[in-house]
Amino acid sequence: MIGKALKQLPREKNQSATKFGITPSEDFKFGGEGVRECCEASLKGLDFECTDFMGELKKLIEEGKIKDIGLSEANIDTMRRADHRVHPVTALQMEGSLWTREIEDEIIPLCRFVLVL
């Protein structure tokens, strides 16, 4: 249904994001195979050729399946371990508000350093 709705717009007018790792299945594969299966299933469900964010990733980028790598709720250690030289993390979804300001001390400066912001 979402794919059909988005098909009404020119592709350059919308961006798609898909996640992996949260699944009701107990046998989810957290390695490259599981990432690939989730990406392929999302693309098929949306009837898209590629997704804009996701975040085997480098291979999916090289194959034209995804354009960029994004992370959700990554802590400072995860962000530091990400090898931004292989392919940069270009999106980071984090909670930030007047009540939740922890990201201001370490995450935002690191994102600026590796050009996520």
C-alpha atoms as a PDB file:
ATOM      1  CA  MET A   1       0.000   0.000   0.000  1.00  0.00           C
ATOM      2  CA  ILE A   2       2.802   2.450   0.867  1.00  0.00           C
ATOM      3  CA  GLY A   3       4.642   1.604  -2.335  1.00  0.00           C
ATOM      4  CA  LYS A   4       1.525   2.319  -4.405  1.00  0.00           C
ATOM      5  CA  ALA A   5       1.022   5.667  -2.680  1.00  0.00           C
ATOM      6  CA  LEU A   6       4.645   6.689  -3.209  1.00  0.00           C
ATOM      7  CA  LYS A   7       4.478   5.683  -6.885  1.00  0.00           C
ATOM      8  CA  GLN A   8       2.087   8.623  -7.348  1.00  0.00           C
ATOM      9  CA  LEU A   9       5.023  11.005  -6.748  1.00  0.00           C
ATOM     10  CA  PRO A  10       8.156  11.417  -8.850  1.00  0.00           C
ATOM     11  CA  ARG A  11      10.947   9.330  -7.259  1.00  0.00           C
ATOM     12  CA  GLU A  12      13.142  12.396  -6.750  1.00  0.00           C
ATOM     13  CA  LYS A  13      10.359  13.968  -4.631  1.00  0.00           C
ATOM     14  CA  ASN A  14      10.349  11.256  -1.952  1.00  0.00           C
ATOM     15  CA  GLN A  15      12.862   9.417   0.182  1.00  0.00           C
ATOM     16  CA  SER A  16      12.429   5.976   1.652  1.00  0.00           C
ATOM     17  CA  ALA A  17      14.060   4.463   4.706  1.00  0.00           C
ATOM     18  CA  THR A  18      13.954   0.882   5.867  1.00  0.00           C
ATOM     19  CA  LYS A  19      15.233  -0.802   9.008  1.00  0.00           C
ATOM     20  CA  PHE A  20      16.339  -4.289   9.893  1.00  0.00           C
ATOM     21  CA  GLY A  21      16.942  -6.174  13.106  1.00  0.00           C
ATOM     22  CA  ILE A  22      13.538  -5.818  14.733  1.00  0.00           C
ATOM     23  CA  THR A  23      11.532  -8.860  13.818  1.00  0.00           C
ATOM     24  CA  PRO A  24       9.021 -11.156  15.492  1.00  0.00           C
ATOM     25  CA  SER A  25      11.039 -14.167  14.299  1.00  0.00           C
ATOM     26  CA  GLU A  26      13.400 -15.833  16.770  1.00  0.00           C
ATOM     27  CA  ASP A  27      15.625 -17.080  13.945  1.00  0.00           C
ATOM     28  CA  PHE A  28      16.515 -13.661  12.499  1.00  0.00           C
ATOM     29  CA  LYS A  29      19.977 -13.630  10.942  1.00  0.00           C
ATOM     30  CA  PHE A  30      21.908 -10.577  12.146  1.00  0.00           C
ATOM     31  CA  GLY A  31      24.759 -11.082   9.652  1.00  0.00           C
ATOM     32  CA  GLY A  32      24.955  -9.933   6.060  1.00  0.00           C
ATOM     33  CA  GLU A  33      22.439 -12.536   4.926  1.00  0.00           C
ATOM     34  CA  GLY A  34      19.760 -11.202   7.278  1.00  0.00           C
ATOM     35  CA  VAL A  35      20.450  -7.606   6.262  1.00  0.00           C
ATOM     36  CA  ARG A  36      20.149  -8.560   2.601  1.00  0.00           C
ATOM     37  CA  GLU A  37      16.912 -10.523   3.150  1.00  0.00           C
ATOM     38  CA  CYS A  38      15.341  -7.579   4.983  1.00  0.00           C
ATOM     39  CA  CYS A  39      16.443  -5.105   2.321  1.00  0.00           C
ATOM     40  CA  GLU A  40      15.186  -7.290  -0.532  1.00  0.00           C
ATOM     41  CA  ALA A  41      11.848  -7.866   1.250  1.00  0.00           C
ATOM     42  CA  SER A  42      11.401  -4.129   1.862  1.00  0.00           C
ATOM     43  CA  LEU A  43      12.209  -3.276  -1.755  1.00  0.00           C
ATOM     44  CA  LYS A  44       9.794  -5.933  -2.994  1.00  0.00           C
ATOM     45  CA  GLY A  45       7.043  -4.799  -0.621  1.00  0.00           C
ATOM     46  CA  LEU A  46       7.446  -1.173  -1.670  1.00  0.00           C
ATOM     47  CA  ASP A  47       7.987  -2.067  -5.340  1.00  0.00           C
ATOM     48  CA  PHE A  48      11.155   0.062  -5.302  1.00  0.00           C
ATOM     49  CA  GLU A  49      14.445  -0.533  -7.072  1.00  0.00           C
ATOM     50  CA  CYS A  50      16.429   1.010  -4.212  1.00  0.00           C
ATOM     51  CA  THR A  51      15.966   2.696  -0.845  1.00  0.00           C
ATOM     52  CA  ASP A  52      17.554   5.971   0.205  1.00  0.00           C
ATOM     53  CA  PHE A  53      18.682   4.934   3.705  1.00  0.00           C
ATOM     54  CA  MET A  54      19.532   1.696   5.505  1.00  0.00           C
ATOM     55  CA  GLY A  55      20.447   1.578   7.902  1.00  0.00           C
ATOM     56  CA  GLU A  56      26.302  -6.692   3.782  1.00  0.00           C
ATOM     57  CA  LEU A  57      25.582  -2.739   3.341  1.00  0.00           C
ATOM     58  CA  LYS A  58      28.522  -1.810   1.118  1.00  0.00           C
ATOM     59  CA  LYS A  59      27.612  -4.591  -1.315  1.00  0.00           C
ATOM     60  CA  LEU A  60      24.027  -3.379  -1.415  1.00  0.00           C
ATOM     61  CA  ILE A  61      25.326   0.107  -2.220  1.00  0.00           C
ATOM     62  CA  GLU A  62      27.612  -1.216  -4.950  1.00  0.00           C
ATOM     63  CA  GLU A  63      24.684  -3.161  -6.441  1.00  0.00           C
ATOM     64  CA  GLY A  64      22.522  -0.041  -6.455  1.00  0.00           C
ATOM     65  CA  LYS A  65      20.046  -1.476  -3.918  1.00  0.00           C
ATOM     66  CA  ILE A  66      20.622   1.281  -1.342  1.00  0.00           C
ATOM     67  CA  LYS A  67      22.117   4.755  -1.654  1.00  0.00           C
ATOM     68  CA  ASP A  68      23.266   5.561   1.882  1.00  0.00           C
ATOM     69  CA  ILE A  69      23.777   4.056   5.336  1.00  0.00           C
ATOM     70  CA  GLY A  70      21.817   5.319   8.322  1.00  0.00           C
ATOM     71  CA  LEU A  71      21.702   4.203  11.941  1.00  0.00           C
ATOM     72  CA  SER A  72      18.951   4.299  14.523  1.00  0.00           C
ATOM     73  CA  GLU A  73      19.671   4.943  18.207  1.00  0.00           C
ATOM     74  CA  ALA A  74      23.405   4.271  17.795  1.00  0.00           C
ATOM     75  CA  ASN A  75      25.459   5.096  20.861  1.00  0.00           C
ATOM     76  CA  ILE A  76      28.770   6.930  20.793  1.00  0.00           C
ATOM     77  CA  ASP A  77      30.811   3.697  20.726  1.00  0.00           C
ATOM     78  CA  THR A  78      28.868   2.369  17.734  1.00  0.00           C
ATOM     79  CA  MET A  79      29.346   5.650  15.894  1.00  0.00           C
ATOM     80  CA  ARG A  80      33.077   5.592  16.611  1.00  0.00           C
ATOM     81  CA  ARG A  81      33.380   1.967  15.410  1.00  0.00           C
ATOM     82  CA  ALA A  82      31.577   2.659  12.148  1.00  0.00           C
ATOM     83  CA  ASP A  83      34.226   2.790   9.425  1.00  0.00           C
ATOM     84  CA  HIS A  84      33.262   6.044   7.748  1.00  0.00           C
ATOM     85  CA  ARG A  85      36.105   5.613   5.250  1.00  0.00           C
ATOM     86  CA  VAL A  86      34.416   2.549   3.701  1.00  0.00           C
ATOM     87  CA  HIS A  87      31.102   4.376   3.351  1.00  0.00           C
ATOM     88  CA  PRO A  88      29.916   7.296   5.469  1.00  0.00           C
ATOM     89  CA  VAL A  89      26.932   7.119   7.772  1.00  0.00           C
ATOM     90  CA  THR A  90      24.692   9.807   6.304  1.00  0.00           C
ATOM     91  CA  ALA A  91      21.680   9.602   8.617  1.00  0.00           C
ATOM     92  CA  LEU A  92      21.338   9.062  12.356  1.00  0.00           C
ATOM     93  CA  GLN A  93      17.961   8.783  14.058  1.00  0.00           C
ATOM     94  CA  MET A  94      18.221   9.738  17.730  1.00  0.00           C
ATOM     95  CA  GLU A  95      15.919  10.950  20.444  1.00  0.00           C
ATOM     96  CA  GLY A  96      16.601  14.563  21.272  1.00  0.00           C
ATOM     97  CA  SER A  97      14.388  17.037  23.073  1.00  0.00           C
ATOM     98  CA  LEU A  98      14.409  19.569  25.866  1.00  0.00           C
ATOM     99  CA  TRP A  99      14.124  16.616  28.257  1.00  0.00           C
ATOM    100  CA  THR A 100      16.589  14.309  26.495  1.00  0.00           C
ATOM    101  CA  ARG A 101      19.746  16.288  25.787  1.00  0.00           C
ATOM    102  CA  GLU A 102      22.453  13.642  26.204  1.00  0.00           C
ATOM    103  CA  ILE A 103      23.171  13.615  22.460  1.00  0.00           C
ATOM    104  CA  GLU A 104      24.426  17.214  22.626  1.00  0.00           C
ATOM    105  CA  ASP A 105      27.601  16.286  24.514  1.00  0.00           C
ATOM    106  CA  GLU A 106      29.071  13.531  22.324  1.00  0.00           C
ATOM    107  CA  ILE A 107      26.810  12.375  19.481  1.00  0.00           C
ATOM    108  CA  ILE A 108      26.218  15.728  17.751  1.00  0.00           C
ATOM    109  CA  PRO A 109      29.912  16.762  17.835  1.00  0.00           C
ATOM    110  CA  LEU A 110      30.940  13.344  16.466  1.00  0.00           C
ATOM    111  CA  CYS A 111      28.307  13.557  13.724  1.00  0.00           C
ATOM    112  CA  ARG A 112      29.636  16.969  12.750  1.00  0.00           C
ATOM    113  CA  PHE A 113      33.157  15.545  12.691  1.00  0.00           C
ATOM    114  CA  VAL A 114      32.211  12.684  10.345  1.00  0.00           C
ATOM    115  CA  LEU A 115      29.860  14.949   8.355  1.00  0.00           C
ATOM    116  CA  VAL A 116      26.540  13.308   9.213  1.00  0.00           C
ATOM    117  CA  LEU A 117      25.193  16.792  10.009  1.00  0.00           C
END
